[in-house]
PDB file of all heavy atoms in Angstrom:
ATOM      1  N   GLU A   1     -16.269  29.615 -45.322  1.00  0.00           N
ATOM      2  CA  GLU A   1     -16.352  31.047 -45.590  1.00  0.00           C
ATOM      3  C   GLU A   1     -17.231  31.318 -46.805  1.00  0.00           C
ATOM      4  O   GLU A   1     -17.965  32.304 -46.843  1.00  0.00           O
ATOM      5  CB  GLU A   1     -14.954  31.611 -45.807  1.00  0.00           C
ATOM      6  CG  GLU A   1     -14.074  31.569 -44.573  1.00  0.00           C
ATOM      7  CD  GLU A   1     -12.716  32.192 -44.838  1.00  0.00           C
ATOM      8  OE1 GLU A   1     -12.571  32.883 -45.862  1.00  0.00           O
ATOM      9  OE2 GLU A   1     -11.799  31.993 -44.026  1.00  0.00           O
ATOM     10  N   ILE A   2     -17.168  30.453 -47.816  1.00  0.00           N
ATOM     11  CA  ILE A   2     -17.981  30.630 -49.020  1.00  0.00           C
ATOM     12  C   ILE A   2     -19.457  30.584 -48.682  1.00  0.00           C
ATOM     13  O   ILE A   2     -20.270  31.304 -49.252  1.00  0.00           O
ATOM     14  CB  ILE A   2     -17.637  29.536 -50.046  1.00  0.00           C
ATOM     15  CG1 ILE A   2     -16.219  29.763 -50.577  1.00  0.00           C
ATOM     16  CG2 ILE A   2     -18.633  29.518 -51.210  1.00  0.00           C
ATOM     17  CD1 ILE A   2     -15.677  28.621 -51.400  1.00  0.00           C
ATOM     18  N   ALA A   3     -19.822  29.738 -47.745  1.00  0.00           N
ATOM     19  CA  ALA A   3     -21.231  29.599 -47.378  1.00  0.00           C
ATOM     20  C   ALA A   3     -21.808  30.908 -46.856  1.00  0.00           C
ATOM     21  O   ALA A   3     -23.011  31.119 -46.889  1.00  0.00           O
ATOM     22  CB  ALA A   3     -21.388  28.495 -46.328  1.00  0.00           C
ATOM     23  N   LEU A   4     -20.949  31.799 -46.372  1.00  0.00           N
ATOM     24  CA  LEU A   4     -21.436  33.060 -45.836  1.00  0.00           C
ATOM     25  C   LEU A   4     -21.788  34.044 -46.941  1.00  0.00           C
ATOM     26  O   LEU A   4     -22.776  34.751 -46.860  1.00  0.00           O
ATOM     27  CB  LEU A   4     -20.379  33.663 -44.907  1.00  0.00           C
ATOM     28  CG  LEU A   4     -19.981  32.798 -43.713  1.00  0.00           C
ATOM     29  CD1 LEU A   4     -18.891  33.480 -42.910  1.00  0.00           C
ATOM     30  CD2 LEU A   4     -21.192  32.512 -42.831  1.00  0.00           C
ATOM     31  N   SER A   5     -20.950  34.107 -48.002  1.00  0.00           N
ATOM     32  CA  SER A   5     -21.189  35.078 -49.066  1.00  0.00           C
ATOM     33  C   SER A   5     -20.304  34.779 -50.269  1.00  0.00           C
ATOM     34  O   SER A   5     -19.180  34.293 -50.126  1.00  0.00           O
ATOM     35  CB  SER A   5     -20.903  36.494 -48.567  1.00  0.00           C
ATOM     36  OG  SER A   5     -21.040  37.423 -49.616  1.00  0.00           O
ATOM     37  N   PHE A   6     -20.841  35.092 -51.477  1.00  0.00           N
ATOM     38  CA  PHE A   6     -20.044  35.011 -52.698  1.00  0.00           C
ATOM     39  C   PHE A   6     -19.283  36.301 -52.952  1.00  0.00           C
ATOM     40  O   PHE A   6     -18.534  36.401 -53.922  1.00  0.00           O
ATOM     41  CB  PHE A   6     -20.954  34.751 -53.909  1.00  0.00           C
ATOM     42  CG  PHE A   6     -21.585  33.394 -53.927  1.00  0.00           C
ATOM     43  CD1 PHE A   6     -22.962  33.253 -54.009  1.00  0.00           C
ATOM     44  CD2 PHE A   6     -20.808  32.258 -53.897  1.00  0.00           C
ATOM     45  CE1 PHE A   6     -23.553  32.010 -54.034  1.00  0.00           C
ATOM     46  CE2 PHE A   6     -21.382  31.000 -53.923  1.00  0.00           C
ATOM     47  CZ  PHE A   6     -22.754  30.875 -53.992  1.00  0.00           C
ATOM     48  N   ALA A   7     -19.487  37.309 -52.118  1.00  0.00           N
ATOM     49  CA  ALA A   7     -18.945  38.642 -52.381  1.00  0.00           C
ATOM     50  C   ALA A   7     -17.437  38.659 -52.643  1.00  0.00           C
ATOM     51  O   ALA A   7     -16.980  39.342 -53.567  1.00  0.00           O
ATOM     52  CB  ALA A   7     -19.291  39.586 -51.229  1.00  0.00           C
ATOM     53  N   PRO A   8     -16.606  37.924 -51.871  1.00  0.00           N
ATOM     54  CA  PRO A   8     -15.165  37.974 -52.143  1.00  0.00           C
ATOM     55  C   PRO A   8     -14.817  37.468 -53.549  1.00  0.00           C
ATOM     56  O   PRO A   8     -13.932  38.012 -54.208  1.00  0.00           O
ATOM     57  CB  PRO A   8     -14.574  37.059 -51.063  1.00  0.00           C
ATOM     58  CG  PRO A   8     -15.583  37.083 -49.966  1.00  0.00           C
ATOM     59  CD  PRO A   8     -16.895  37.150 -50.647  1.00  0.00           C
ATOM     60  N   VAL A   9     -15.519  36.426 -53.998  1.00  0.00           N
ATOM     61  CA  VAL A   9     -15.265  35.905 -55.345  1.00  0.00           C
ATOM     62  C   VAL A   9     -15.693  36.927 -56.398  1.00  0.00           C
ATOM     63  O   VAL A   9     -14.982  37.171 -57.370  1.00  0.00           O
ATOM     64  CB  VAL A   9     -16.021  34.573 -55.568  1.00  0.00           C
ATOM     65  CG1 VAL A   9     -15.720  34.017 -56.955  1.00  0.00           C
ATOM     66  CG2 VAL A   9     -15.661  33.566 -54.489  1.00  0.00           C
ATOM     67  N   VAL A  10     -16.850  37.526 -56.192  1.00  0.00           N
ATOM     68  CA  VAL A  10     -17.368  38.517 -57.129  1.00  0.00           C
ATOM     69  C   VAL A  10     -16.412  39.702 -57.222  1.00  0.00           C
ATOM     70  O   VAL A  10     -16.103  40.189 -58.315  1.00  0.00           O
ATOM     71  CB  VAL A  10     -18.771  38.987 -56.708  1.00  0.00           C
ATOM     72  CG1 VAL A  10     -19.231  40.158 -57.569  1.00  0.00           C
ATOM     73  CG2 VAL A  10     -19.763  37.831 -56.799  1.00  0.00           C
ATOM     74  N   GLN A  11     -15.913  40.167 -56.070  1.00  0.00           N
ATOM     75  CA  GLN A  11     -15.008  41.316 -56.065  1.00  0.00           C
ATOM     76  C   GLN A  11     -13.710  41.016 -56.792  1.00  0.00           C
ATOM     77  O   GLN A  11     -13.099  41.914 -57.382  1.00  0.00           O
ATOM     78  CB  GLN A  11     -14.727  41.747 -54.628  1.00  0.00           C
ATOM     79  CG  GLN A  11     -15.937  42.365 -53.937  1.00  0.00           C
ATOM     80  CD  GLN A  11     -15.718  42.608 -52.465  1.00  0.00           C
ATOM     81  OE1 GLN A  11     -14.588  42.540 -51.976  1.00  0.00           O
ATOM     82  NE2 GLN A  11     -16.789  42.873 -51.732  1.00  0.00           N
ATOM     83  N   ARG A  12     -13.316  39.771 -56.775  1.00  0.00           N
ATOM     84  CA  ARG A  12     -12.084  39.407 -57.486  1.00  0.00           C
ATOM     85  C   ARG A  12     -12.320  39.253 -58.983  1.00  0.00           C
ATOM     86  O   ARG A  12     -11.477  39.662 -59.792  1.00  0.00           O
ATOM     87  CB  ARG A  12     -11.527  38.098 -56.925  1.00  0.00           C
ATOM     88  CG  ARG A  12     -10.304  37.599 -57.674  1.00  0.00           C
ATOM     89  CD  ARG A  12      -9.680  36.399 -57.015  1.00  0.00           C
ATOM     90  NE  ARG A  12      -8.532  35.916 -57.758  1.00  0.00           N
ATOM     91  CZ  ARG A  12      -7.730  34.944 -57.355  1.00  0.00           C
ATOM     92  NH1 ARG A  12      -7.947  34.356 -56.194  1.00  0.00           N
ATOM     93  NH2 ARG A  12      -6.714  34.570 -58.091  1.00  0.00           N
ATOM     94  N   ALA A  13     -13.456  38.679 -59.383  1.00  0.00           N
ATOM     95  CA  ALA A  13     -13.677  38.324 -60.779  1.00  0.00           C
ATOM     96  C   ALA A  13     -14.260  39.438 -61.629  1.00  0.00           C
ATOM     97  O   ALA A  13     -13.897  39.592 -62.796  1.00  0.00           O
ATOM     98  CB  ALA A  13     -14.581  37.093 -60.856  1.00  0.00           C
ATOM     99  N   THR A  14     -15.185  40.237 -61.074  1.00  0.00           N
ATOM    100  CA  THR A  14     -15.919  41.197 -61.912  1.00  0.00           C
ATOM    101  C   THR A  14     -15.050  42.264 -62.581  1.00  0.00           C
ATOM    102  O   THR A  14     -15.385  42.691 -63.695  1.00  0.00           O
ATOM    103  CB  THR A  14     -17.037  41.886 -61.111  1.00  0.00           C
ATOM    104  OG1 THR A  14     -16.499  42.422 -59.893  1.00  0.00           O
ATOM    105  CG2 THR A  14     -18.158  40.919 -60.803  1.00  0.00           C
ATOM    106  N   PRO A  15     -13.945  42.725 -61.990  1.00  0.00           N
ATOM    107  CA  PRO A  15     -13.143  43.727 -62.712  1.00  0.00           C
ATOM    108  C   PRO A  15     -12.605  43.234 -64.046  1.00  0.00           C
ATOM    109  O   PRO A  15     -12.297  44.044 -64.929  1.00  0.00           O
ATOM    110  CB  PRO A  15     -12.003  44.030 -61.720  1.00  0.00           C
ATOM    111  CG  PRO A  15     -12.567  43.708 -60.382  1.00  0.00           C
ATOM    112  CD  PRO A  15     -13.444  42.522 -60.607  1.00  0.00           C
ATOM    113  N   ALA A  16     -12.477  41.913 -64.224  1.00  0.00           N
ATOM    114  CA  ALA A  16     -11.924  41.366 -65.455  1.00  0.00           C
ATOM    115  C   ALA A  16     -13.002  40.994 -66.475  1.00  0.00           C
ATOM    116  O   ALA A  16     -12.685  40.506 -67.556  1.00  0.00           O
ATOM    117  CB  ALA A  16     -11.079  40.133 -65.139  1.00  0.00           C
ATOM    118  N   VAL A  17     -14.273  41.205 -66.139  1.00  0.00           N
ATOM    119  CA  VAL A  17     -15.366  40.933 -67.076  1.00  0.00           C
ATOM    120  C   VAL A  17     -15.827  42.251 -67.671  1.00  0.00           C
ATOM    121  O   VAL A  17     -16.113  43.204 -66.934  1.00  0.00           O
ATOM    122  CB  VAL A  17     -16.535  40.205 -66.388  1.00  0.00           C
ATOM    123  CG1 VAL A  17     -17.651  39.909 -67.394  1.00  0.00           C
ATOM    124  CG2 VAL A  17     -16.047  38.896 -65.761  1.00  0.00           C
ATOM    125  N   VAL A  18     -15.892  42.316 -69.002  1.00  0.00           N
ATOM    126  CA  VAL A  18     -16.157  43.583 -69.687  1.00  0.00           C
ATOM    127  C   VAL A  18     -17.450  43.518 -70.487  1.00  0.00           C
ATOM    128  O   VAL A  18     -17.948  42.437 -70.819  1.00  0.00           O
ATOM    129  CB  VAL A  18     -14.988  43.952 -70.620  1.00  0.00           C
ATOM    130  CG1 VAL A  18     -13.697  44.095 -69.825  1.00  0.00           C
ATOM    131  CG2 VAL A  18     -14.822  42.907 -71.722  1.00  0.00           C
ATOM    132  N   ASN A  19     -17.988  44.687 -70.803  1.00  0.00           N
ATOM    133  CA  ASN A  19     -19.112  44.803 -71.718  1.00  0.00           C
ATOM    134  C   ASN A  19     -18.571  45.152 -73.100  1.00  0.00           C
ATOM    135  O   ASN A  19     -17.645  45.969 -73.222  1.00  0.00           O
ATOM    136  CB  ASN A  19     -20.080  45.894 -71.263  1.00  0.00           C
ATOM    137  CG  ASN A  19     -20.683  45.596 -69.905  1.00  0.00           C
ATOM    138  OD1 ASN A  19     -20.757  44.444 -69.494  1.00  0.00           O
ATOM    139  ND2 ASN A  19     -21.103  46.636 -69.201  1.00  0.00           N
ATOM    140  N   ILE A  20     -19.142  44.537 -74.133  1.00  0.00           N
ATOM    141  CA  ILE A  20     -18.673  44.743 -75.501  1.00  0.00           C
ATOM    142  C   ILE A  20     -19.820  45.263 -76.355  1.00  0.00           C
ATOM    143  O   ILE A  20     -20.910  44.684 -76.387  1.00  0.00           O
ATOM    144  CB  ILE A  20     -18.114  43.437 -76.099  1.00  0.00           C
ATOM    145  CG1 ILE A  20     -16.898  42.969 -75.300  1.00  0.00           C
ATOM    146  CG2 ILE A  20     -17.756  43.631 -77.565  1.00  0.00           C
ATOM    147  CD1 ILE A  20     -16.299  41.669 -75.800  1.00  0.00           C
ATOM    148  N   TYR A  21     -19.548  46.369 -77.049  1.00  0.00           N
ATOM    149  CA  TYR A  21     -20.505  46.954 -77.979  1.00  0.00           C
ATOM    150  C   TYR A  21     -19.880  46.884 -79.377  1.00  0.00           C
ATOM    151  O   TYR A  21     -18.839  47.501 -79.625  1.00  0.00           O
ATOM    152  CB  TYR A  21     -20.811  48.394 -77.590  1.00  0.00           C
ATOM    153  CG  TYR A  21     -21.355  48.523 -76.181  1.00  0.00           C
ATOM    154  CD1 TYR A  21     -20.502  48.665 -75.087  1.00  0.00           C
ATOM    155  CD2 TYR A  21     -22.726  48.490 -75.941  1.00  0.00           C
ATOM    156  CE1 TYR A  21     -20.990  48.769 -73.799  1.00  0.00           C
ATOM    157  CE2 TYR A  21     -23.231  48.599 -74.645  1.00  0.00           C
ATOM    158  CZ  TYR A  21     -22.358  48.737 -73.586  1.00  0.00           C
ATOM    159  OH  TYR A  21     -22.845  48.828 -72.301  1.00  0.00           O
ATOM    160  N   ALA A  22     -20.497  46.115 -80.273  1.00  0.00           N
ATOM    161  CA  ALA A  22     -19.954  45.911 -81.617  1.00  0.00           C
ATOM    162  C   ALA A  22     -20.908  46.493 -82.658  1.00  0.00           C
ATOM    163  O   ALA A  22     -22.130  46.383 -82.533  1.00  0.00           O
ATOM    164  CB  ALA A  22     -19.732  44.425 -81.882  1.00  0.00           C
ATOM    165  N   THR A  23     -20.329  47.099 -83.683  1.00  0.00           N
ATOM    166  CA  THR A  23     -21.105  47.707 -84.758  1.00  0.00           C
ATOM    167  C   THR A  23     -20.665  47.138 -86.095  1.00  0.00           C
ATOM    168  O   THR A  23     -19.457  47.041 -86.366  1.00  0.00           O
ATOM    169  CB  THR A  23     -20.921  49.236 -84.768  1.00  0.00           C
ATOM    170  OG1 THR A  23     -21.307  49.765 -83.504  1.00  0.00           O
ATOM    171  CG2 THR A  23     -21.762  49.875 -85.860  1.00  0.00           C
ATOM    172  N   ARG A  24     -21.634  46.763 -86.916  1.00  0.00           N
ATOM    173  CA  ARG A  24     -21.362  46.263 -88.267  1.00  0.00           C
ATOM    174  C   ARG A  24     -22.139  47.103 -89.270  1.00  0.00           C
ATOM    175  O   ARG A  24     -23.258  47.526 -88.998  1.00  0.00           O
ATOM    176  CB  ARG A  24     -21.785  44.799 -88.414  1.00  0.00           C
ATOM    177  CG  ARG A  24     -21.152  43.844 -87.443  1.00  0.00           C
ATOM    178  CD  ARG A  24     -21.785  42.461 -87.540  1.00  0.00           C
ATOM    179  NE  ARG A  24     -21.236  41.526 -86.577  1.00  0.00           N
ATOM    180  CZ  ARG A  24     -21.632  41.428 -85.318  1.00  0.00           C
ATOM    181  NH1 ARG A  24     -22.598  42.214 -84.878  1.00  0.00           N
ATOM    182  NH2 ARG A  24     -21.082  40.554 -84.497  1.00  0.00           N
ATOM    183  N   ILE A  25     -21.548  47.303 -90.441  1.00  0.00           N
ATOM    184  CA  ILE A  25     -22.243  47.946 -91.546  1.00  0.00           C
ATOM    185  C   ILE A  25     -22.619  46.844 -92.528  1.00  0.00           C
ATOM    186  O   ILE A  25     -21.744  46.195 -93.104  1.00  0.00           O
ATOM    187  CB  ILE A  25     -21.376  48.999 -92.248  1.00  0.00           C
ATOM    188  CG1 ILE A  25     -20.839  50.020 -91.230  1.00  0.00           C
ATOM    189  CG2 ILE A  25     -22.175  49.700 -93.342  1.00  0.00           C
ATOM    190  CD1 ILE A  25     -21.923  50.798 -90.527  1.00  0.00           C
TER     191      ILE A  25
END
């Protein structure tokens, strides 16, 4: 099934990956 598409893995993992914006003075 994996050989057909990575989409199921991506749909499971991407919601838990975040973008971080950090600011320093």
